[in-house]
Amino acid sequence: MIESLSAKAKLSLLQKEYRKFFRALLKEYKVASPAKLSIADKKEFFGRIKKEWPKAKKAALKTATASVSSSVEWESLSAKAKLSLLQKEYRKFFKALLKQYKVTSPAKLSIDDKKEFFGHIKKDWPKAKKAILKKAKAA
């Protein structure tokens, strides 16, 4: 679901869709760059982007919602989007561990508790990460 994506992942997906949209419009004008257009054509070109992109953006967000919920689409997510999802899950994992230690920051732990805290992360995060990836691929 698109709601479960971080802002970075949403941005990454939208940027990819915008590039497709932009390139398709360039293709219609039969140019490789807007710099090759006449002044009148540039005004028309960018006017169309301003008018048509909001509708295309909504459609892209709907498509992204379906994409994220399908395991086939997980494979097609960019490395950046996957990393962003993992970062969000790591943050949750880290905050939950802080809560167990009843602190808001590892800096508030004693030296021995810090060693134990980061030992838990080193030991438990790889297992949690594996489970998250398995769940994401199966979704």
N, C-alpha and C. Protein backbone atom coordinates (compact mmCIF):
# COMPACT_ATOMS: atom_id res chain seq x y z
N MET A 1 0.83 -1.18 0.00
CA MET A 1 0.00 0.00 0.00
C MET A 1 0.88 1.24 0.00
N ILE A 2 0.49 2.22 -0.77
CA ILE A 2 1.29 3.43 -0.91
C ILE A 2 1.43 4.14 0.43
N GLU A 3 0.44 4.02 1.33
CA GLU A 3 0.52 4.68 2.63
C GLU A 3 1.68 4.14 3.45
N SER A 4 2.04 2.88 3.24
CA SER A 4 3.12 2.29 4.01
C SER A 4 4.49 2.67 3.48
N LEU A 5 4.53 3.33 2.35
CA LEU A 5 5.81 3.77 1.80
C LEU A 5 6.26 5.05 2.49
N SER A 6 7.53 5.18 2.67
CA SER A 6 8.06 6.42 3.24
C SER A 6 7.96 7.52 2.18
N ALA A 7 8.15 8.73 2.61
CA ALA A 7 8.10 9.87 1.68
C ALA A 7 9.15 9.70 0.58
N LYS A 8 10.33 9.19 0.94
CA LYS A 8 11.40 8.99 -0.04
C LYS A 8 11.00 7.97 -1.10
N ALA A 9 10.37 6.88 -0.66
CA ALA A 9 9.96 5.85 -1.60
C ALA A 9 8.88 6.36 -2.54
N LYS A 10 7.92 7.12 -2.00
CA LYS A 10 6.87 7.70 -2.84
C LYS A 10 7.50 8.63 -3.87
N LEU A 11 8.43 9.46 -3.40
CA LEU A 11 9.09 10.39 -4.29
C LEU A 11 9.84 9.65 -5.39
N SER A 12 10.52 8.59 -5.02
CA SER A 12 11.27 7.79 -6.00
C SER A 12 10.33 7.22 -7.07
N LEU A 13 9.20 6.68 -6.63
CA LEU A 13 8.23 6.13 -7.58
C LEU A 13 7.65 7.22 -8.48
N LEU A 14 7.32 8.36 -7.88
CA LEU A 14 6.75 9.45 -8.68
C LEU A 14 7.78 10.03 -9.66
N GLN A 15 9.03 10.12 -9.25
CA GLN A 15 10.05 10.63 -10.15
C GLN A 15 10.19 9.73 -11.37
N LYS A 16 10.15 8.43 -11.13
CA LYS A 16 10.25 7.46 -12.23
C LYS A 16 9.07 7.64 -13.20
N GLU A 17 7.87 7.80 -12.64
CA GLU A 17 6.68 7.99 -13.48
C GLU A 17 6.73 9.32 -14.22
N TYR A 18 7.24 10.36 -13.57
CA TYR A 18 7.34 11.67 -14.22
C TYR A 18 8.30 11.60 -15.41
N ARG A 19 9.42 10.91 -15.22
CA ARG A 19 10.38 10.77 -16.33
C ARG A 19 9.72 10.08 -17.52
N LYS A 20 8.93 9.02 -17.26
CA LYS A 20 8.22 8.33 -18.35
C LYS A 20 7.27 9.30 -19.05
N PHE A 21 6.51 10.05 -18.24
CA PHE A 21 5.55 11.01 -18.76
C PHE A 21 6.25 12.06 -19.63
N PHE A 22 7.35 12.60 -19.12
CA PHE A 22 8.11 13.64 -19.81
C PHE A 22 8.67 13.11 -21.13
N ARG A 23 9.25 11.92 -21.08
CA ARG A 23 9.84 11.33 -22.30
C ARG A 23 8.77 11.04 -23.36
N ALA A 24 7.61 10.58 -22.92
CA ALA A 24 6.52 10.31 -23.86
C ALA A 24 6.09 11.61 -24.55
N LEU A 25 6.05 12.68 -23.79
CA LEU A 25 5.68 13.97 -24.37
C LEU A 25 6.75 14.45 -25.35
N LEU A 26 8.01 14.26 -25.01
CA LEU A 26 9.09 14.61 -25.93
C LEU A 26 8.95 13.82 -27.24
N LYS A 27 8.59 12.55 -27.10
CA LYS A 27 8.43 11.68 -28.27
C LYS A 27 7.32 12.22 -29.18
N GLU A 28 6.23 12.71 -28.57
CA GLU A 28 5.13 13.29 -29.35
C GLU A 28 5.62 14.48 -30.17
N TYR A 29 6.51 15.26 -29.59
CA TYR A 29 7.05 16.43 -30.27
C TYR A 29 8.24 16.08 -31.16
N LYS A 30 8.62 14.82 -31.15
CA LYS A 30 9.71 14.29 -31.97
C LYS A 30 11.04 15.02 -31.74
N VAL A 31 11.35 15.24 -30.45
CA VAL A 31 12.62 15.85 -30.06
C VAL A 31 13.20 15.08 -28.87
N ALA A 32 14.50 15.24 -28.66
CA ALA A 32 15.16 14.57 -27.54
C ALA A 32 15.21 15.48 -26.31
N SER A 33 15.00 16.77 -26.53
CA SER A 33 15.09 17.73 -25.44
C SER A 33 14.19 18.92 -25.73
N PRO A 34 13.60 19.54 -24.71
CA PRO A 34 12.78 20.72 -24.94
C PRO A 34 13.59 21.88 -25.53
N ALA A 35 14.91 21.85 -25.37
CA ALA A 35 15.77 22.90 -25.92
C ALA A 35 15.68 22.94 -27.45
N LYS A 36 15.30 21.82 -28.04
CA LYS A 36 15.20 21.74 -29.51
C LYS A 36 13.89 22.33 -30.04
N LEU A 37 12.98 22.71 -29.16
CA LEU A 37 11.67 23.23 -29.56
C LEU A 37 11.73 24.73 -29.80
N SER A 38 10.82 25.19 -30.65
CA SER A 38 10.70 26.64 -30.85
C SER A 38 10.09 27.24 -29.58
N ILE A 39 10.16 28.54 -29.46
CA ILE A 39 9.61 29.20 -28.26
C ILE A 39 8.13 28.90 -28.11
N ALA A 40 7.38 28.96 -29.20
CA ALA A 40 5.94 28.68 -29.15
C ALA A 40 5.68 27.22 -28.73
N ASP A 41 6.47 26.30 -29.29
CA ASP A 41 6.30 24.89 -28.95
C ASP A 41 6.69 24.62 -27.48
N LYS A 42 7.72 25.33 -27.00
CA LYS A 42 8.11 25.18 -25.59
C LYS A 42 6.97 25.59 -24.67
N LYS A 43 6.33 26.73 -24.98
CA LYS A 43 5.19 27.19 -24.16
C LYS A 43 4.08 26.14 -24.16
N GLU A 44 3.81 25.61 -25.34
CA GLU A 44 2.77 24.57 -25.45
C GLU A 44 3.18 23.32 -24.69
N PHE A 45 4.44 22.90 -24.86
CA PHE A 45 4.97 21.69 -24.21
C PHE A 45 4.85 21.79 -22.69
N PHE A 46 5.36 22.90 -22.12
CA PHE A 46 5.33 23.04 -20.66
C PHE A 46 3.91 23.32 -20.15
N GLY A 47 3.08 23.92 -21.00
CA GLY A 47 1.67 24.10 -20.65
C GLY A 47 0.96 22.76 -20.52
N ARG A 48 1.28 21.85 -21.44
CA ARG A 48 0.70 20.51 -21.38
C ARG A 48 1.17 19.76 -20.13
N ILE A 49 2.45 19.91 -19.80
CA ILE A 49 2.95 19.26 -18.58
C ILE A 49 2.18 19.77 -17.37
N LYS A 50 2.04 21.09 -17.28
CA LYS A 50 1.34 21.71 -16.16
C LYS A 50 -0.11 21.23 -16.07
N LYS A 51 -0.73 21.05 -17.23
CA LYS A 51 -2.14 20.64 -17.28
C LYS A 51 -2.31 19.12 -17.09
N GLU A 52 -1.46 18.32 -17.72
CA GLU A 52 -1.67 16.87 -17.76
C GLU A 52 -0.98 16.08 -16.64
N TRP A 53 0.12 16.60 -16.09
CA TRP A 53 0.86 15.83 -15.08
C TRP A 53 0.02 15.56 -13.83
N PRO A 54 -0.75 16.50 -13.29
CA PRO A 54 -1.53 16.18 -12.08
C PRO A 54 -2.44 14.94 -12.25
N LYS A 55 -3.06 14.81 -13.42
CA LYS A 55 -3.91 13.63 -13.68
C LYS A 55 -3.04 12.38 -13.78
N ALA A 56 -1.93 12.49 -14.48
CA ALA A 56 -1.03 11.34 -14.64
C ALA A 56 -0.43 10.95 -13.28
N LYS A 57 -0.18 11.94 -12.44
CA LYS A 57 0.38 11.69 -11.10
C LYS A 57 -0.61 10.87 -10.27
N LYS A 58 -1.88 11.24 -10.30
CA LYS A 58 -2.91 10.48 -9.57
C LYS A 58 -2.95 9.03 -10.06
N ALA A 59 -2.90 8.86 -11.36
CA ALA A 59 -2.91 7.51 -11.94
C ALA A 59 -1.66 6.75 -11.50
N ALA A 60 -0.52 7.42 -11.46
CA ALA A 60 0.73 6.78 -11.04
C ALA A 60 0.65 6.33 -9.59
N LEU A 61 0.03 7.15 -8.74
CA LEU A 61 -0.11 6.78 -7.32
C LEU A 61 -1.02 5.56 -7.17
N LYS A 62 -2.08 5.51 -7.97
CA LYS A 62 -2.96 4.32 -7.93
C LYS A 62 -2.20 3.08 -8.38
N THR A 63 -1.43 3.23 -9.43
CA THR A 63 -0.62 2.12 -9.94
C THR A 63 0.40 1.69 -8.90
N ALA A 64 1.01 2.66 -8.23
CA ALA A 64 2.02 2.35 -7.21
C ALA A 64 1.39 1.58 -6.06
N THR A 65 0.15 1.91 -5.70
CA THR A 65 -0.55 1.19 -4.64
C THR A 65 -0.68 -0.28 -5.01
N ALA A 66 -1.09 -0.53 -6.25
CA ALA A 66 -1.21 -1.91 -6.71
C ALA A 66 0.16 -2.57 -6.79
N SER A 67 1.17 -1.82 -7.22
CA SER A 67 2.52 -2.35 -7.36
C SER A 67 3.08 -2.84 -6.05
N VAL A 68 2.97 -2.02 -5.03
CA VAL A 68 3.58 -2.37 -3.75
C VAL A 68 2.89 -3.56 -3.13
N SER A 69 1.62 -3.75 -3.42
CA SER A 69 0.90 -4.88 -2.82
C SER A 69 1.14 -6.18 -3.58
N SER A 70 1.85 -6.13 -4.69
CA SER A 70 2.10 -7.35 -5.45
C SER A 70 3.57 -7.75 -5.39
N SER A 71 3.81 -9.02 -5.16
CA SER A 71 5.19 -9.49 -5.00
C SER A 71 6.00 -9.32 -6.27
N VAL A 72 5.36 -9.45 -7.43
CA VAL A 72 6.08 -9.27 -8.69
C VAL A 72 6.59 -7.84 -8.76
N GLU A 73 5.77 -6.89 -8.33
CA GLU A 73 6.16 -5.49 -8.39
C GLU A 73 7.25 -5.17 -7.37
N TRP A 74 7.31 -5.87 -6.23
CA TRP A 74 8.39 -5.65 -5.25
C TRP A 74 9.73 -5.80 -5.96
N GLU A 75 9.83 -6.79 -6.83
CA GLU A 75 11.07 -7.03 -7.55
C GLU A 75 11.40 -5.86 -8.48
N SER A 76 10.38 -5.17 -8.98
CA SER A 76 10.65 -4.08 -9.91
C SER A 76 10.86 -2.74 -9.21
N LEU A 77 10.67 -2.68 -7.89
CA LEU A 77 10.94 -1.44 -7.18
C LEU A 77 12.42 -1.11 -7.29
N SER A 78 12.72 0.14 -7.38
CA SER A 78 14.12 0.53 -7.49
C SER A 78 14.84 0.17 -6.19
N ALA A 79 16.13 0.06 -6.27
CA ALA A 79 16.93 -0.24 -5.08
C ALA A 79 16.72 0.85 -4.03
N LYS A 80 16.56 2.09 -4.49
CA LYS A 80 16.33 3.22 -3.59
C LYS A 80 15.02 3.04 -2.81
N ALA A 81 13.96 2.64 -3.51
CA ALA A 81 12.65 2.47 -2.88
C ALA A 81 12.70 1.32 -1.88
N LYS A 82 13.37 0.21 -2.25
CA LYS A 82 13.50 -0.92 -1.33
C LYS A 82 14.28 -0.52 -0.09
N LEU A 83 15.37 0.22 -0.30
CA LEU A 83 16.18 0.66 0.81
C LEU A 83 15.37 1.56 1.73
N SER A 84 14.58 2.42 1.15
CA SER A 84 13.76 3.32 1.94
C SER A 84 12.77 2.54 2.81
N LEU A 85 12.18 1.50 2.24
CA LEU A 85 11.26 0.67 3.02
C LEU A 85 12.00 -0.02 4.16
N LEU A 86 13.17 -0.53 3.89
CA LEU A 86 13.97 -1.19 4.93
C LEU A 86 14.41 -0.19 6.00
N GLN A 87 14.74 1.02 5.61
CA GLN A 87 15.13 2.03 6.58
C GLN A 87 13.99 2.33 7.54
N LYS A 88 12.79 2.40 7.00
CA LYS A 88 11.61 2.67 7.83
C LYS A 88 11.41 1.53 8.84
N GLU A 89 11.55 0.30 8.37
CA GLU A 89 11.40 -0.86 9.26
C GLU A 89 12.52 -0.91 10.31
N TYR A 90 13.74 -0.54 9.91
CA TYR A 90 14.85 -0.52 10.86
C TYR A 90 14.58 0.52 11.95
N ARG A 91 14.07 1.67 11.55
CA ARG A 91 13.73 2.71 12.53
C ARG A 91 12.74 2.19 13.56
N LYS A 92 11.70 1.47 13.08
CA LYS A 92 10.71 0.87 13.99
C LYS A 92 11.38 -0.11 14.94
N PHE A 93 12.24 -0.96 14.39
CA PHE A 93 12.97 -1.96 15.17
C PHE A 93 13.81 -1.27 16.24
N PHE A 94 14.55 -0.24 15.84
CA PHE A 94 15.44 0.50 16.73
C PHE A 94 14.64 1.17 17.85
N LYS A 95 13.54 1.84 17.49
CA LYS A 95 12.72 2.53 18.49
C LYS A 95 12.09 1.55 19.47
N ALA A 96 11.67 0.39 18.99
CA ALA A 96 11.10 -0.63 19.86
C ALA A 96 12.14 -1.11 20.88
N LEU A 97 13.38 -1.26 20.42
CA LEU A 97 14.45 -1.68 21.32
C LEU A 97 14.75 -0.58 22.35
N LEU A 98 14.72 0.67 21.91
CA LEU A 98 14.91 1.78 22.86
C LEU A 98 13.82 1.74 23.93
N LYS A 99 12.61 1.46 23.49
CA LYS A 99 11.48 1.38 24.42
C LYS A 99 11.70 0.28 25.46
N GLN A 100 12.23 -0.86 25.02
CA GLN A 100 12.54 -1.96 25.94
C GLN A 100 13.52 -1.51 27.02
N TYR A 101 14.46 -0.67 26.63
CA TYR A 101 15.47 -0.17 27.57
C TYR A 101 14.98 1.07 28.31
N LYS A 102 13.76 1.51 28.00
CA LYS A 102 13.12 2.66 28.65
C LYS A 102 13.95 3.94 28.52
N VAL A 103 14.46 4.17 27.31
CA VAL A 103 15.20 5.39 27.00
C VAL A 103 14.76 5.91 25.64
N THR A 104 15.10 7.15 25.36
CA THR A 104 14.76 7.73 24.06
C THR A 104 15.96 7.79 23.13
N SER A 105 17.13 7.52 23.67
CA SER A 105 18.35 7.55 22.88
C SER A 105 19.38 6.62 23.50
N PRO A 106 20.20 5.95 22.67
CA PRO A 106 21.24 5.08 23.23
C PRO A 106 22.26 5.88 24.05
N ALA A 107 22.35 7.17 23.82
CA ALA A 107 23.29 8.02 24.57
C ALA A 107 22.95 8.04 26.06
N LYS A 108 21.70 7.73 26.39
CA LYS A 108 21.26 7.76 27.79
C LYS A 108 21.54 6.44 28.51
N LEU A 109 22.12 5.48 27.81
CA LEU A 109 22.44 4.19 28.41
C LEU A 109 23.84 4.20 29.00
N SER A 110 24.03 3.36 30.00
CA SER A 110 25.38 3.20 30.55
C SER A 110 26.24 2.48 29.51
N ILE A 111 27.54 2.48 29.70
CA ILE A 111 28.44 1.84 28.74
C ILE A 111 28.10 0.37 28.57
N ASP A 112 27.86 -0.34 29.68
CA ASP A 112 27.52 -1.76 29.59
C ASP A 112 26.19 -1.98 28.88
N ASP A 113 25.21 -1.11 29.20
CA ASP A 113 23.90 -1.24 28.53
C ASP A 113 24.01 -0.93 27.04
N LYS A 114 24.87 0.03 26.68
CA LYS A 114 25.07 0.34 25.25
C LYS A 114 25.62 -0.87 24.51
N LYS A 115 26.59 -1.55 25.12
CA LYS A 115 27.17 -2.74 24.50
C LYS A 115 26.09 -3.80 24.31
N GLU A 116 25.27 -3.98 25.33
CA GLU A 116 24.18 -4.96 25.25
C GLU A 116 23.16 -4.54 24.17
N PHE A 117 22.80 -3.26 24.18
CA PHE A 117 21.83 -2.70 23.24
C PHE A 117 22.27 -2.95 21.79
N PHE A 118 23.50 -2.55 21.48
CA PHE A 118 23.99 -2.72 20.11
C PHE A 118 24.28 -4.18 19.78
N GLY A 119 24.54 -4.98 20.81
CA GLY A 119 24.67 -6.42 20.60
C GLY A 119 23.35 -7.03 20.16
N HIS A 120 22.25 -6.54 20.78
CA HIS A 120 20.90 -7.00 20.36
C HIS A 120 20.65 -6.63 18.91
N ILE A 121 21.00 -5.42 18.54
CA ILE A 121 20.78 -4.98 17.16
C ILE A 121 21.58 -5.86 16.20
N LYS A 122 22.85 -6.05 16.52
CA LYS A 122 23.73 -6.85 15.66
C LYS A 122 23.21 -8.28 15.50
N LYS A 123 22.64 -8.83 16.59
CA LYS A 123 22.17 -10.21 16.58
C LYS A 123 20.76 -10.33 15.97
N ASP A 124 19.87 -9.42 16.34
CA ASP A 124 18.45 -9.58 15.98
C ASP A 124 18.02 -8.89 14.68
N TRP A 125 18.69 -7.80 14.28
CA TRP A 125 18.25 -7.10 13.07
C TRP A 125 18.35 -7.97 11.82
N PRO A 126 19.43 -8.72 11.59
CA PRO A 126 19.48 -9.54 10.37
C PRO A 126 18.30 -10.51 10.26
N LYS A 127 17.88 -11.08 11.39
CA LYS A 127 16.72 -12.00 11.38
C LYS A 127 15.45 -11.22 11.05
N ALA A 128 15.28 -10.07 11.69
CA ALA A 128 14.09 -9.25 11.45
C ALA A 128 14.06 -8.77 10.00
N LYS A 129 15.21 -8.38 9.48
CA LYS A 129 15.30 -7.91 8.09
C LYS A 129 14.90 -9.02 7.13
N LYS A 130 15.39 -10.22 7.39
CA LYS A 130 15.07 -11.37 6.54
C LYS A 130 13.55 -11.61 6.52
N ALA A 131 12.94 -11.54 7.71
CA ALA A 131 11.48 -11.75 7.82
C ALA A 131 10.71 -10.64 7.08
N ILE A 132 11.19 -9.40 7.17
CA ILE A 132 10.54 -8.27 6.50
C ILE A 132 10.62 -8.46 4.99
N LEU A 133 11.79 -8.82 4.50
CA LEU A 133 11.95 -9.02 3.04
C LEU A 133 11.10 -10.18 2.55
N LYS A 134 11.04 -11.25 3.33
CA LYS A 134 10.22 -12.41 2.95
C LYS A 134 8.74 -12.00 2.88
N LYS A 135 8.30 -11.22 3.87
CA LYS A 135 6.91 -10.76 3.92
C LYS A 135 6.62 -9.83 2.74
N ALA A 136 7.55 -8.93 2.43
CA ALA A 136 7.36 -7.97 1.32
C ALA A 136 7.27 -8.70 -0.02
N LYS A 137 8.08 -9.71 -0.20
CA LYS A 137 8.07 -10.45 -1.45
C LYS A 137 6.80 -11.30 -1.59
N ALA A 138 6.29 -11.78 -0.45
CA ALA A 138 5.10 -12.63 -0.47
C ALA A 138 3.81 -11.83 -0.56
N ALA A 139 3.87 -10.54 -0.22
CA ALA A 139 2.65 -9.70 -0.20
C ALA A 139 2.04 -9.55 -1.56
